[in-house]
């Protein structure tokens, strides 16, 4: 399991969470909003990967999760065809975005649970 802290200062960037080995299965995760993100627009988060064996997918595990209120929001794409086992190591990433560039607060932990391939 990886846990990566993000804040409103990360808006507009791709944040590296951690590397998963080839053959790993992502089986769970979500974003735990500790301090609500407060832009006057939308406060969203995508979670995905890059550098694996397939085309990079920045929202393979979660698409447009709203971070405007505190609480735990589970990933919404774990049952989708974008959740694949890579044949090469992949970097897990998240991309926070705001609809209006005026946020002054926001803290969250992105949590990803995966199982390694013990057959390799």
Protein backbone atom coordinates (compact mmCIF):
# COMPACT_ATOMS: atom_id res chain seq x y z
CA UNK A 1 0.00 0.00 0.00
CA UNK A 2 1.15 3.50 -0.84
CA UNK A 3 -0.03 6.71 0.82
CA UNK A 4 0.94 10.07 -0.65
CA UNK A 5 0.02 13.45 0.83
CA UNK A 6 -1.11 16.13 -1.62
CA UNK A 7 -2.15 19.73 -1.03
CA UNK A 8 -3.72 22.57 -3.00
CA UNK A 9 -0.15 23.61 -3.92
CA UNK A 10 0.01 20.49 -6.13
CA UNK A 11 -2.74 21.73 -8.46
CA UNK A 12 -1.70 21.56 -12.09
CA UNK A 13 1.06 18.97 -11.54
CA UNK A 14 1.41 15.22 -11.88
CA UNK A 15 2.40 13.80 -8.49
CA UNK A 16 4.33 10.52 -8.33
CA UNK A 17 2.90 8.17 -5.70
CA UNK A 18 5.14 5.13 -6.02
CA UNK A 19 6.25 2.38 -8.40
CA UNK A 20 4.42 -0.92 -8.68
CA UNK A 21 6.23 -3.96 -10.04
CA UNK A 22 5.27 -5.76 -13.23
CA UNK A 23 2.31 -8.09 -12.72
CA UNK A 24 0.92 -6.24 -9.70
CA UNK A 25 -2.85 -5.91 -9.29
CA UNK A 26 -4.31 -2.65 -7.98
CA UNK A 27 -7.18 -3.82 -5.77
CA UNK A 28 -8.22 -0.75 -3.82
CA UNK A 29 -7.71 2.83 -2.94
CA UNK A 30 -9.16 6.26 -2.58
CA UNK A 31 -8.47 9.79 -1.53
CA UNK A 32 -8.87 10.74 2.13
CA UNK A 33 -9.61 14.47 2.19
CA UNK A 34 -8.36 15.88 5.48
CA UNK A 35 -8.89 19.60 4.75
CA UNK A 36 -11.43 20.40 2.03
CA UNK A 37 -10.06 21.92 -1.16
CA UNK A 38 -11.62 25.34 -1.61
CA UNK A 39 -11.26 26.74 -5.12
CA UNK A 40 -14.32 28.65 -6.35
CA UNK A 41 -14.55 26.10 -9.17
CA UNK A 42 -14.33 22.32 -9.01
CA UNK A 43 -11.59 20.51 -7.07
CA UNK A 44 -10.89 17.21 -8.80
CA UNK A 45 -8.42 14.33 -8.71
CA UNK A 46 -7.43 11.73 -11.29
CA UNK A 47 -5.32 8.68 -10.36
CA UNK A 48 -3.52 6.46 -12.85
CA UNK A 49 -0.11 5.32 -14.06
CA UNK A 50 2.69 5.97 -16.51
CA UNK A 51 5.68 4.07 -17.82
CA UNK A 52 4.20 0.58 -17.72
CA UNK A 53 3.80 -1.80 -20.63
CA UNK A 54 0.77 0.02 -22.07
CA UNK A 55 -0.07 3.60 -22.98
CA UNK A 56 0.10 5.95 -19.99
CA UNK A 57 -3.34 6.39 -18.41
CA UNK A 58 -3.56 9.28 -15.92
CA UNK A 59 -7.07 8.28 -14.80
CA UNK A 60 -6.94 4.47 -14.95
CA UNK A 61 -8.06 4.05 -11.33
CA UNK A 62 -10.02 7.24 -10.58
CA UNK A 63 -11.57 9.97 -12.70
CA UNK A 64 -12.63 13.39 -11.43
CA UNK A 65 -12.98 12.56 -7.73
CA UNK A 66 -14.35 15.64 -5.96
CA UNK A 67 -12.20 16.89 -3.07
CA UNK A 68 -14.45 19.76 -1.90
CA UNK A 69 -15.51 18.02 1.34
CA UNK A 70 -13.67 16.04 3.99
CA UNK A 71 -13.97 12.25 4.05
CA UNK A 72 -12.81 9.18 2.18
CA UNK A 73 -13.72 8.88 -1.50
CA UNK A 74 -13.05 5.43 -3.02
CA UNK A 75 -11.59 5.07 -6.50
CA UNK A 76 -14.31 4.80 -9.14
CA UNK A 77 -12.45 2.97 -11.94
CA UNK A 78 -11.13 -0.20 -10.25
CA UNK A 79 -13.69 -2.36 -12.07
CA UNK A 80 -12.96 -0.77 -15.46
CA UNK A 81 -10.87 -2.17 -18.31
CA UNK A 82 -8.26 0.51 -17.56
CA UNK A 83 -7.20 -1.37 -14.41
CA UNK A 84 -4.68 -3.75 -15.97
CA UNK A 85 -1.65 -5.73 -14.88
CA UNK A 86 1.45 -4.26 -16.49
CA UNK A 87 4.23 -6.43 -17.93
CA UNK A 88 6.73 -3.72 -16.90
CA UNK A 89 7.06 -1.68 -13.72
CA UNK A 90 4.73 1.35 -13.67
CA UNK A 91 4.68 4.62 -11.73
CA UNK A 92 1.39 5.38 -9.96
CA UNK A 93 0.41 9.03 -10.35
CA UNK A 94 -2.28 11.49 -9.35
CA UNK A 95 -3.26 14.78 -10.95
CA UNK A 96 -5.16 17.31 -8.82
CA UNK A 97 -6.97 20.04 -10.77
CA UNK A 98 -9.02 23.09 -9.86
CA UNK A 99 -11.69 24.75 -11.98
CA UNK A 100 -10.61 28.23 -10.89
CA UNK A 101 -7.03 29.01 -9.89
CA UNK A 102 -7.84 30.49 -6.49
CA UNK A 103 -7.58 27.68 -3.91
CA UNK A 104 -6.05 28.58 -0.55
CA UNK A 105 -6.64 25.31 1.32
CA UNK A 106 -6.74 21.58 0.76
CA UNK A 107 -4.93 18.53 2.13
CA UNK A 108 -5.53 14.89 1.23
CA UNK A 109 -3.86 11.48 1.31
CA UNK A 110 -4.04 9.38 -1.85
CA UNK A 111 -4.04 5.69 -0.87
CA UNK A 112 -3.45 2.83 -3.31
CA UNK A 113 -3.52 -0.86 -2.37
CA UNK A 114 -1.96 -3.44 -4.65
CA UNK A 115 -0.89 -7.08 -4.60
CA UNK A 116 2.41 -8.16 -6.13
CA UNK A 117 2.73 -11.11 -8.50
CA UNK A 118 4.26 -13.90 -6.41
CA UNK A 119 4.50 -16.18 -9.45
CA UNK A 120 7.41 -14.21 -10.93
